[in-house]
């Protein structure tokens, strides 16, 4: 029973880590494209909608996270007026989603191995 509780708590921590990684990558993306006005707030909005897209995509099918996450990134980015083409915005969103999910997934599987659940 203790391992189940530890695994659930660890899973929740990694959900927080995933969101933090998305926020960090979105903030770096905005800074890279010259957005300095309210960059932290804009990154929070961008990360929130990207996280929502990933979450809905993971519920329906794992591959859906790589479709809905970048799409949510692109749609949210259009509202911020960043000077970037549509195709580049989608590819940036895909890269951010892929990097955040890969780092979180590797860390979570390491955690599962550490507690003996995998």
Protein backbone atom coordinates (compact mmCIF):
# COMPACT_ATOMS: atom_id res chain seq x y z
CA UNK A 1 0.00 0.00 0.00
CA UNK A 2 2.84 2.39 0.79
CA UNK A 3 4.31 1.94 -2.69
CA UNK A 4 0.97 2.85 -4.25
CA UNK A 5 0.80 6.06 -2.24
CA UNK A 6 4.41 6.89 -3.12
CA UNK A 7 3.72 6.19 -6.80
CA UNK A 8 0.60 8.38 -6.83
CA UNK A 9 2.40 11.23 -5.07
CA UNK A 10 5.35 10.81 -7.42
CA UNK A 11 2.98 10.90 -10.40
CA UNK A 12 1.45 14.15 -9.16
CA UNK A 13 4.90 15.63 -8.70
CA UNK A 14 5.76 14.71 -12.28
CA UNK A 15 2.56 16.37 -13.55
CA UNK A 16 3.79 19.54 -11.84
CA UNK A 17 7.23 19.01 -13.38
CA UNK A 18 5.64 18.64 -16.84
CA UNK A 19 3.79 21.93 -16.45
CA UNK A 20 6.93 23.65 -15.14
CA UNK A 21 8.91 22.40 -18.14
CA UNK A 22 6.21 23.63 -20.53
CA UNK A 23 6.21 27.03 -18.85
CA UNK A 24 10.01 27.23 -18.99
CA UNK A 25 10.16 26.24 -22.67
CA UNK A 26 7.33 28.64 -23.58
CA UNK A 27 9.07 31.47 -21.74
CA UNK A 28 12.34 30.76 -23.57
CA UNK A 29 10.44 30.59 -26.86
CA UNK A 30 8.84 33.99 -26.27
CA UNK A 31 12.15 35.54 -25.21
CA UNK A 32 13.83 34.05 -28.30
CA UNK A 33 11.23 35.76 -30.49
CA UNK A 34 11.63 39.14 -28.81
CA UNK A 35 8.58 39.17 -26.54
CA UNK A 36 9.56 41.06 -23.40
CA UNK A 37 6.27 42.68 -22.36
CA UNK A 38 4.65 40.47 -19.70
CA UNK A 39 6.70 37.45 -20.84
CA UNK A 40 6.03 35.46 -17.66
CA UNK A 41 2.26 35.97 -17.86
CA UNK A 42 2.16 35.20 -21.56
CA UNK A 43 4.27 32.08 -20.99
CA UNK A 44 1.82 30.99 -18.28
CA UNK A 45 -1.15 31.33 -20.64
CA UNK A 46 0.73 29.58 -23.45
CA UNK A 47 1.86 26.75 -21.14
CA UNK A 48 -1.63 26.35 -19.64
CA UNK A 49 -3.33 25.87 -22.99
CA UNK A 50 -0.52 23.64 -24.28
CA UNK A 51 -0.80 21.53 -21.12
CA UNK A 52 -4.57 21.31 -21.60
CA UNK A 53 -4.07 20.14 -25.18
CA UNK A 54 -1.57 17.52 -24.08
CA UNK A 55 -3.87 16.33 -21.29
CA UNK A 56 -6.90 15.93 -23.54
CA UNK A 57 -4.72 14.23 -26.15
CA UNK A 58 -3.35 11.78 -23.59
CA UNK A 59 -6.84 10.85 -22.46
CA UNK A 60 -8.03 9.85 -25.94
CA UNK A 61 -4.80 8.36 -27.25
CA UNK A 62 -1.16 8.96 -26.46
CA UNK A 63 -0.53 10.15 -30.01
CA UNK A 64 -3.23 12.78 -29.50
CA UNK A 65 -0.94 14.67 -27.14
CA UNK A 66 1.41 15.30 -30.05
CA UNK A 67 -1.48 16.64 -32.13
CA UNK A 68 -3.55 18.63 -29.63
CA UNK A 69 -0.56 20.00 -27.67
CA UNK A 70 1.08 21.74 -30.65
CA UNK A 71 -2.32 22.81 -31.95
CA UNK A 72 -3.16 24.44 -28.60
CA UNK A 73 0.28 26.08 -28.59
CA UNK A 74 -0.30 27.44 -32.10
CA UNK A 75 -3.83 28.72 -31.37
CA UNK A 76 -2.72 30.43 -28.17
CA UNK A 77 0.36 31.90 -29.82
CA UNK A 78 -1.81 33.51 -32.53
CA UNK A 79 -3.46 35.56 -29.78
CA UNK A 80 -0.12 36.94 -28.58
CA UNK A 81 0.86 38.55 -31.86
CA UNK A 82 4.29 36.92 -32.11
CA UNK A 83 5.79 37.43 -35.57
CA UNK A 84 6.22 33.82 -36.67
CA UNK A 85 4.73 31.81 -39.51
CA UNK A 86 1.95 29.31 -38.88
CA UNK A 87 4.09 26.32 -39.83
CA UNK A 88 6.97 27.45 -37.61
CA UNK A 89 4.59 27.96 -34.68
CA UNK A 90 3.24 24.43 -35.04
CA UNK A 91 6.76 22.95 -35.28
CA UNK A 92 7.90 24.97 -32.25
CA UNK A 93 4.85 23.70 -30.36
CA UNK A 94 5.63 20.12 -31.37
CA UNK A 95 9.24 20.53 -30.21
CA UNK A 96 8.20 22.00 -26.87
CA UNK A 97 5.65 19.23 -26.29
CA UNK A 98 8.11 16.52 -27.31
CA UNK A 99 10.93 17.86 -25.12
CA UNK A 100 8.71 18.35 -22.05
CA UNK A 101 7.08 14.92 -22.36
CA UNK A 102 10.40 13.17 -23.01
CA UNK A 103 12.13 14.73 -19.99
CA UNK A 104 9.14 14.05 -17.75
CA UNK A 105 8.69 10.50 -19.05
CA UNK A 106 12.34 9.58 -18.55
CA UNK A 107 12.26 11.01 -15.04
CA UNK A 108 9.02 9.21 -14.18
CA UNK A 109 10.29 5.84 -15.40
CA UNK A 110 13.45 6.40 -13.37
CA UNK A 111 11.26 7.13 -10.36
CA UNK A 112 9.22 3.96 -10.94
CA UNK A 113 12.43 1.92 -11.16
CA UNK A 114 13.73 3.54 -7.97
CA UNK A 115 10.63 2.55 -5.97
CA UNK A 116 10.54 -0.92 -7.53
CA UNK A 117 7.26 -0.48 -9.38
CA UNK A 118 8.78 -1.10 -12.79
